[in-house]
């Protein structure tokens, strides 16, 4: 009877070990994949946010240049071009924001909301004053966006985090070794 149990165990054990190993490896790989995809989405969103802010500032600066040059034709065309670039950058940032909204943290949502908000200008302000106020608003927003992006995308790892990630990689390596090696170790 003992011999029959050993034969059965030696036949079933490799399949059982393979099933458990495959399940654990798949779960770990899927988790890693999801984290990497989320990071890529955040990277894209921050790139578009910062690009939209910079293009908006460039438009405001071009507008001020036009005001100071008394609306010369080549300057007016330049301002129109900057306006179109700013508008398309804002539309692209808004598109990515709407797609990735549910994956964003509150501080990231606030940054995008600040990009799309309309400033409340005093009724006696002229175009130059509005442009200068908008430039200040966008430069403050740009500084905040760069700070949050650095934190979110390039977080420094602590020594404890590095230790756990190294142990995790070694554990993952052990789990993904060939099934025959695990069976041989278990049968010793």
C-alpha atoms as a PDB file:
ATOM      1  CA  UNK A   1       0.000   0.000   0.000  1.00  0.00           C
ATOM      2  CA  UNK A   2       2.834   2.331   0.818  1.00  0.00           C
ATOM      3  CA  UNK A   3       4.362   1.884  -2.651  1.00  0.00           C
ATOM      4  CA  UNK A   4       1.045   2.767  -4.367  1.00  0.00           C
ATOM      5  CA  UNK A   5       0.703   5.949  -2.300  1.00  0.00           C
ATOM      6  CA  UNK A   6       4.228   7.038  -3.218  1.00  0.00           C
ATOM      7  CA  UNK A   7       3.577   6.440  -6.940  1.00  0.00           C
ATOM      8  CA  UNK A   8       0.343   8.381  -6.743  1.00  0.00           C
ATOM      9  CA  UNK A   9       2.041  11.184  -4.776  1.00  0.00           C
ATOM     10  CA  UNK A  10       4.941  11.342  -7.249  1.00  0.00           C
ATOM     11  CA  UNK A  11       2.413  11.607 -10.111  1.00  0.00           C
ATOM     12  CA  UNK A  12       0.101  14.234  -8.550  1.00  0.00           C
ATOM     13  CA  UNK A  13       2.701  16.339  -6.723  1.00  0.00           C
ATOM     14  CA  UNK A  14       4.329  17.896  -9.850  1.00  0.00           C
ATOM     15  CA  UNK A  15       0.910  19.021 -11.120  1.00  0.00           C
ATOM     16  CA  UNK A  16      -0.072  20.424  -7.740  1.00  0.00           C
ATOM     17  CA  UNK A  17       3.241  22.283  -7.369  1.00  0.00           C
ATOM     18  CA  UNK A  18       2.975  23.561 -10.949  1.00  0.00           C
ATOM     19  CA  UNK A  19      -0.574  24.816 -10.327  1.00  0.00           C
ATOM     20  CA  UNK A  20       0.367  26.644  -7.114  1.00  0.00           C
ATOM     21  CA  UNK A  21       3.540  28.086  -8.665  1.00  0.00           C
ATOM     22  CA  UNK A  22       1.724  29.234 -11.788  1.00  0.00           C
ATOM     23  CA  UNK A  23      -1.036  30.820  -9.702  1.00  0.00           C
ATOM     24  CA  UNK A  24       1.385  32.746  -7.486  1.00  0.00           C
ATOM     25  CA  UNK A  25       3.589  33.810 -10.410  1.00  0.00           C
ATOM     26  CA  UNK A  26       0.592  35.008 -12.421  1.00  0.00           C
ATOM     27  CA  UNK A  27      -0.749  37.006  -9.493  1.00  0.00           C
ATOM     28  CA  UNK A  28       2.624  38.656  -8.869  1.00  0.00           C
ATOM     29  CA  UNK A  29       3.229  39.397 -12.550  1.00  0.00           C
ATOM     30  CA  UNK A  30      -0.250  40.868 -12.984  1.00  0.00           C
ATOM     31  CA  UNK A  31       0.254  43.129  -9.959  1.00  0.00           C
ATOM     32  CA  UNK A  32       3.572  44.352 -11.344  1.00  0.00           C
ATOM     33  CA  UNK A  33       2.017  44.945 -14.770  1.00  0.00           C
ATOM     34  CA  UNK A  34      -0.822  47.008 -13.279  1.00  0.00           C
ATOM     35  CA  UNK A  35       1.607  49.172 -11.294  1.00  0.00           C
ATOM     36  CA  UNK A  36       3.751  49.799 -14.373  1.00  0.00           C
ATOM     37  CA  UNK A  37       0.718  50.728 -16.491  1.00  0.00           C
ATOM     38  CA  UNK A  38      -0.546  53.098 -13.799  1.00  0.00           C
ATOM     39  CA  UNK A  39       2.889  54.741 -13.652  1.00  0.00           C
ATOM     40  CA  UNK A  40       2.918  55.157 -17.444  1.00  0.00           C
ATOM     41  CA  UNK A  41      -0.538  56.757 -17.352  1.00  0.00           C
ATOM     42  CA  UNK A  42       0.566  59.156 -14.623  1.00  0.00           C
ATOM     43  CA  UNK A  43       3.683  60.018 -16.578  1.00  0.00           C
ATOM     44  CA  UNK A  44       1.609  60.824 -19.671  1.00  0.00           C
ATOM     45  CA  UNK A  45      -0.871  62.896 -17.661  1.00  0.00           C
ATOM     46  CA  UNK A  46       1.880  64.944 -16.000  1.00  0.00           C
ATOM     47  CA  UNK A  47       3.646  65.484 -19.327  1.00  0.00           C
ATOM     48  CA  UNK A  48       0.441  66.799 -20.908  1.00  0.00           C
ATOM     49  CA  UNK A  49      -0.452  68.919 -17.869  1.00  0.00           C
ATOM     50  CA  UNK A  50       2.955  70.602 -17.774  1.00  0.00           C
ATOM     51  CA  UNK A  51       2.979  71.035 -21.549  1.00  0.00           C
ATOM     52  CA  UNK A  52      -0.459  72.679 -21.477  1.00  0.00           C
ATOM     53  CA  UNK A  53       0.595  75.048 -18.701  1.00  0.00           C
ATOM     54  CA  UNK A  54       3.779  76.053 -20.539  1.00  0.00           C
ATOM     55  CA  UNK A  55       1.930  76.630 -23.814  1.00  0.00           C
ATOM     56  CA  UNK A  56      -0.661  78.729 -22.007  1.00  0.00           C
ATOM     57  CA  UNK A  57       2.106  80.864 -20.489  1.00  0.00           C
ATOM     58  CA  UNK A  58       3.725  81.213 -23.939  1.00  0.00           C
ATOM     59  CA  UNK A  59       0.406  82.398 -25.362  1.00  0.00           C
ATOM     60  CA  UNK A  60      -0.038  84.993 -22.604  1.00  0.00           C
ATOM     61  CA  UNK A  61       3.533  86.215 -23.105  1.00  0.00           C
ATOM     62  CA  UNK A  62       2.991  86.447 -26.879  1.00  0.00           C
ATOM     63  CA  UNK A  63      -0.203  88.408 -26.239  1.00  0.00           C
ATOM     64  CA  UNK A  64       1.681  90.858 -24.022  1.00  0.00           C
ATOM     65  CA  UNK A  65       4.357  91.199 -26.695  1.00  0.00           C
ATOM     66  CA  UNK A  66       1.635  91.997 -29.210  1.00  0.00           C
ATOM     67  CA  UNK A  67       0.156  94.622 -26.902  1.00  0.00           C
ATOM     68  CA  UNK A  68       3.549  96.305 -26.462  1.00  0.00           C
ATOM     69  CA  UNK A  69       4.320  96.230 -30.209  1.00  0.00           C
ATOM     70  CA  UNK A  70       0.991  97.837 -31.163  1.00  0.00           C
ATOM     71  CA  UNK A  71      -0.336  94.754 -32.968  1.00  0.00           C
ATOM     72  CA  UNK A  72       2.087  94.453 -35.861  1.00  0.00           C
ATOM     73  CA  UNK A  73       0.969  91.859 -38.436  1.00  0.00           C
ATOM     74  CA  UNK A  74       3.756  89.303 -37.830  1.00  0.00           C
ATOM     75  CA  UNK A  75       3.207  89.516 -34.071  1.00  0.00           C
ATOM     76  CA  UNK A  76      -0.550  89.033 -34.485  1.00  0.00           C
ATOM     77  CA  UNK A  77       0.048  85.871 -36.531  1.00  0.00           C
ATOM     78  CA  UNK A  78       2.498  84.660 -33.884  1.00  0.00           C
ATOM     79  CA  UNK A  79      -0.099  85.218 -31.137  1.00  0.00           C
ATOM     80  CA  UNK A  80      -2.725  83.348 -33.157  1.00  0.00           C
ATOM     81  CA  UNK A  81      -0.330  80.422 -33.565  1.00  0.00           C
ATOM     82  CA  UNK A  82       0.446  80.386 -29.821  1.00  0.00           C
ATOM     83  CA  UNK A  83      -3.279  80.548 -29.083  1.00  0.00           C
ATOM     84  CA  UNK A  84      -3.935  77.498 -31.269  1.00  0.00           C
ATOM     85  CA  UNK A  85      -1.057  75.575 -29.647  1.00  0.00           C
ATOM     86  CA  UNK A  86      -2.319  76.455 -26.170  1.00  0.00           C
ATOM     87  CA  UNK A  87      -5.876  75.445 -27.028  1.00  0.00           C
ATOM     88  CA  UNK A  88      -4.848  72.071 -28.500  1.00  0.00           C
ATOM     89  CA  UNK A  89      -2.539  71.325 -25.536  1.00  0.00           C
ATOM     90  CA  UNK A  90      -5.392  72.100 -23.128  1.00  0.00           C
ATOM     91  CA  UNK A  91      -7.769  69.863 -25.093  1.00  0.00           C
ATOM     92  CA  UNK A  92      -5.283  66.967 -25.027  1.00  0.00           C
ATOM     93  CA  UNK A  93      -4.696  67.443 -21.283  1.00  0.00           C
ATOM     94  CA  UNK A  94      -8.462  67.521 -20.720  1.00  0.00           C
ATOM     95  CA  UNK A  95      -8.883  64.292 -22.747  1.00  0.00           C
ATOM     96  CA  UNK A  96      -6.249  62.423 -20.710  1.00  0.00           C
ATOM     97  CA  UNK A  97      -7.641  63.891 -17.490  1.00  0.00           C
ATOM     98  CA  UNK A  98     -11.131  62.627 -18.256  1.00  0.00           C
ATOM     99  CA  UNK A  99      -9.817  59.151 -19.140  1.00  0.00           C
ATOM    100  CA  UNK A 100      -7.563  58.801 -16.086  1.00  0.00           C
ATOM    101  CA  UNK A 101      -9.655  60.714 -13.540  1.00  0.00           C
ATOM    102  CA  UNK A 102     -10.602  57.695 -11.422  1.00  0.00           C
ATOM    103  CA  UNK A 103      -6.946  56.612 -11.125  1.00  0.00           C
ATOM    104  CA  UNK A 104      -5.744  59.988  -9.862  1.00  0.00           C
ATOM    105  CA  UNK A 105      -5.154  61.078  -6.317  1.00  0.00           C
ATOM    106  CA  UNK A 106      -6.921  64.135  -4.977  1.00  0.00           C
ATOM    107  CA  UNK A 107      -3.865  66.418  -5.288  1.00  0.00           C
ATOM    108  CA  UNK A 108      -3.492  65.435  -8.944  1.00  0.00           C
ATOM    109  CA  UNK A 109      -7.161  66.150  -9.661  1.00  0.00           C
ATOM    110  CA  UNK A 110      -6.786  69.582  -8.047  1.00  0.00           C
ATOM    111  CA  UNK A 111      -3.868  70.393 -10.371  1.00  0.00           C
ATOM    112  CA  UNK A 112      -5.902  69.591 -13.476  1.00  0.00           C
ATOM    113  CA  UNK A 113      -8.908  71.480 -12.144  1.00  0.00           C
ATOM    114  CA  UNK A 114      -6.686  74.526 -11.611  1.00  0.00           C
ATOM    115  CA  UNK A 115      -5.525  74.304 -15.231  1.00  0.00           C
ATOM    116  CA  UNK A 116      -9.068  74.330 -16.571  1.00  0.00           C
ATOM    117  CA  UNK A 117     -10.558  76.902 -14.200  1.00  0.00           C
ATOM    118  CA  UNK A 118     -11.471  80.341 -15.462  1.00  0.00           C
ATOM    119  CA  UNK A 119      -9.922  83.184 -13.514  1.00  0.00           C
ATOM    120  CA  UNK A 120     -12.265  85.790 -12.111  1.00  0.00           C
ATOM    121  CA  UNK A 121     -11.064  89.059 -13.633  1.00  0.00           C
ATOM    122  CA  UNK A 122     -12.155  92.448 -12.321  1.00  0.00           C
ATOM    123  CA  UNK A 123     -14.440  94.244 -14.770  1.00  0.00           C
ATOM    124  CA  UNK A 124     -12.027  97.202 -15.108  1.00  0.00           C
ATOM    125  CA  UNK A 125      -9.014  95.085 -16.060  1.00  0.00           C
ATOM    126  CA  UNK A 126      -7.659  95.398 -19.573  1.00  0.00           C
ATOM    127  CA  UNK A 127      -6.188  92.570 -21.662  1.00  0.00           C
ATOM    128  CA  UNK A 128      -2.629  93.207 -20.452  1.00  0.00           C
ATOM    129  CA  UNK A 129      -3.639  92.999 -16.789  1.00  0.00           C
ATOM    130  CA  UNK A 130      -5.587  89.810 -17.436  1.00  0.00           C
ATOM    131  CA  UNK A 131      -2.641  88.252 -19.279  1.00  0.00           C
ATOM    132  CA  UNK A 132      -0.241  89.176 -16.469  1.00  0.00           C
ATOM    133  CA  UNK A 133      -2.607  87.747 -13.843  1.00  0.00           C
ATOM    134  CA  UNK A 134      -3.024  84.574 -15.906  1.00  0.00           C
ATOM    135  CA  UNK A 135       0.775  84.237 -16.271  1.00  0.00           C
ATOM    136  CA  UNK A 136       1.193  84.471 -12.490  1.00  0.00           C
ATOM    137  CA  UNK A 137      -1.572  81.904 -11.967  1.00  0.00           C
ATOM    138  CA  UNK A 138      -0.055  79.502 -14.532  1.00  0.00           C
ATOM    139  CA  UNK A 139       3.497  79.891 -13.164  1.00  0.00           C
ATOM    140  CA  UNK A 140       2.260  79.034  -9.658  1.00  0.00           C
ATOM    141  CA  UNK A 141       0.390  76.066 -11.115  1.00  0.00           C
ATOM    142  CA  UNK A 142       3.491  74.972 -13.051  1.00  0.00           C
ATOM    143  CA  UNK A 143       5.628  75.033  -9.893  1.00  0.00           C
ATOM    144  CA  UNK A 144       3.025  72.949  -8.025  1.00  0.00           C
ATOM    145  CA  UNK A 145       2.652  70.493 -10.925  1.00  0.00           C
ATOM    146  CA  UNK A 146       6.411  69.975 -11.199  1.00  0.00           C
ATOM    147  CA  UNK A 147       6.679  69.371  -7.449  1.00  0.00           C
ATOM    148  CA  UNK A 148       3.828  66.842  -7.369  1.00  0.00           C
ATOM    149  CA  UNK A 149       5.147  65.112 -10.512  1.00  0.00           C
ATOM    150  CA  UNK A 150       8.591  64.696  -8.963  1.00  0.00           C
ATOM    151  CA  UNK A 151       7.038  63.162  -5.859  1.00  0.00           C
ATOM    152  CA  UNK A 152       4.616  60.888  -7.718  1.00  0.00           C
ATOM    153  CA  UNK A 153       6.925  59.707 -10.499  1.00  0.00           C
ATOM    154  CA  UNK A 154      10.322  59.608  -8.854  1.00  0.00           C
ATOM    155  CA  UNK A 155       9.677  58.722  -5.241  1.00  0.00           C
ATOM    156  CA  UNK A 156      12.879  57.890  -3.436  1.00  0.00           C
ATOM    157  CA  UNK A 157      13.008  54.395  -2.052  1.00  0.00           C
ATOM    158  CA  UNK A 158      13.923  53.786   1.553  1.00  0.00           C
ATOM    159  CA  UNK A 159      16.423  51.104   2.530  1.00  0.00           C
ATOM    160  CA  UNK A 160      13.583  49.024   3.958  1.00  0.00           C
ATOM    161  CA  UNK A 161      11.712  49.245   0.658  1.00  0.00           C
ATOM    162  CA  UNK A 162      14.845  48.176  -1.240  1.00  0.00           C
ATOM    163  CA  UNK A 163      15.316  45.226   1.155  1.00  0.00           C
ATOM    164  CA  UNK A 164      11.731  44.042   0.640  1.00  0.00           C
ATOM    165  CA  UNK A 165      11.955  44.424  -3.132  1.00  0.00           C
ATOM    166  CA  UNK A 166      15.205  42.394  -3.190  1.00  0.00           C
ATOM    167  CA  UNK A 167      13.665  39.656  -1.040  1.00  0.00           C
ATOM    168  CA  UNK A 168      10.572  39.661  -3.237  1.00  0.00           C
ATOM    169  CA  UNK A 169      12.689  39.219  -6.392  1.00  0.00           C
ATOM    170  CA  UNK A 170      14.572  36.297  -4.826  1.00  0.00           C
ATOM    171  CA  UNK A 171      11.304  34.698  -3.687  1.00  0.00           C
ATOM    172  CA  UNK A 172       9.852  35.205  -7.170  1.00  0.00           C
ATOM    173  CA  UNK A 173      12.952  33.600  -8.700  1.00  0.00           C
ATOM    174  CA  UNK A 174      12.528  30.548  -6.478  1.00  0.00           C
ATOM    175  CA  UNK A 175       8.851  30.216  -7.414  1.00  0.00           C
ATOM    176  CA  UNK A 176       9.481  30.411 -11.127  1.00  0.00           C
ATOM    177  CA  UNK A 177      12.179  27.759 -11.308  1.00  0.00           C
ATOM    178  CA  UNK A 178      11.326  24.596 -13.225  1.00  0.00           C
ATOM    179  CA  UNK A 179       8.773  22.332 -11.592  1.00  0.00           C
ATOM    180  CA  UNK A 180      11.187  19.376 -11.679  1.00  0.00           C
ATOM    181  CA  UNK A 181      13.624  21.189  -9.413  1.00  0.00           C
ATOM    182  CA  UNK A 182      10.873  21.843  -6.836  1.00  0.00           C
ATOM    183  CA  UNK A 183       9.647  18.237  -7.010  1.00  0.00           C
ATOM    184  CA  UNK A 184      13.188  16.941  -6.485  1.00  0.00           C
ATOM    185  CA  UNK A 185      13.580  19.170  -3.403  1.00  0.00           C
ATOM    186  CA  UNK A 186      10.239  18.041  -1.969  1.00  0.00           C
ATOM    187  CA  UNK A 187      10.961  14.344  -2.530  1.00  0.00           C
ATOM    188  CA  UNK A 188      14.293  14.377  -0.662  1.00  0.00           C
END
